[in-house]
Every structure is written in C-alpha cells, then in structure tokens.
Amino acid sequence: QKQQQQQQQQQQKQQQQQQQQQQPQKQQRQRQQQPQQQPQQQPQ
C-alpha cells in the first residue's frame, strides 16, 4: 500500500508539469498565427 501511494503522488506531479508546459506553447502558437494572417489579408 505504501508503494502505491508513492506512485500516485509521482503521477500527479508529472501531470501538473505537463499541463504547465502545454499552456505556454498554446499561447505562443496563437500569437504566431495572428501576425501571419494579417499580412495575408493586406495583399488581397
């Protein structure tokens, strides 16, 4: 039982780290897409 508890705690920590990493990546992608769309609209 002790081993199981330790494993669960580790998994939770890993999940939290992954979420934090994913959030900044999404923000960067959105920022990059916006400036690209603007120049395309101007020539048209």
Protein backbone atom coordinates (compact mmCIF):
# COMPACT_ATOMS: atom_id res chain seq x y z
CA GLN A 1 0.00 0.00 0.00
CA LYS A 2 2.83 2.39 0.77
CA GLN A 3 4.34 1.83 -2.67
CA GLN A 4 1.06 2.52 -4.42
CA GLN A 5 0.62 5.82 -2.62
CA GLN A 6 4.09 6.98 -3.64
CA GLN A 7 3.46 6.10 -7.26
CA GLN A 8 0.18 8.00 -7.32
CA GLN A 9 1.86 11.12 -5.95
CA GLN A 10 4.55 10.97 -8.62
CA GLN A 11 1.98 10.62 -11.38
CA GLN A 12 0.08 13.65 -10.13
CA LYS A 13 3.26 15.74 -10.13
CA GLN A 14 4.02 14.71 -13.69
CA GLN A 15 0.54 15.61 -14.87
CA GLN A 16 0.78 19.06 -13.33
CA GLN A 17 4.10 19.72 -15.04
CA GLN A 18 2.72 18.65 -18.40
CA GLN A 19 -0.24 21.00 -18.09
CA GLN A 20 2.02 23.94 -17.27
CA GLN A 21 4.22 23.20 -20.28
CA GLN A 22 1.29 22.85 -22.65
CA GLN A 23 -0.27 26.19 -21.71
CA PRO A 24 2.66 28.41 -22.75
CA GLN A 25 3.01 26.51 -26.01
CA LYS A 26 -0.61 27.17 -26.93
CA GLN A 27 -0.21 30.89 -26.24
CA GLN A 28 2.87 31.10 -28.45
CA ARG A 29 1.14 29.31 -31.32
CA GLN A 30 -1.82 31.68 -31.20
CA ARG A 31 0.46 34.73 -31.23
CA GLN A 32 2.39 33.38 -34.19
CA GLN A 33 -0.73 32.63 -36.21
CA GLN A 34 -2.22 36.10 -35.74
CA PRO A 35 0.64 38.08 -37.32
CA GLN A 36 0.79 35.66 -40.22
CA GLN A 37 -2.90 36.08 -41.02
CA GLN A 38 -2.72 39.89 -41.06
CA PRO A 39 -0.12 40.24 -43.85
CA GLN A 40 -2.00 37.74 -45.99
CA GLN A 41 -5.20 39.80 -45.78
CA GLN A 42 -3.46 43.05 -46.80
CA PRO A 43 -2.30 41.95 -50.29
CA GLN A 44 -5.72 40.53 -51.06
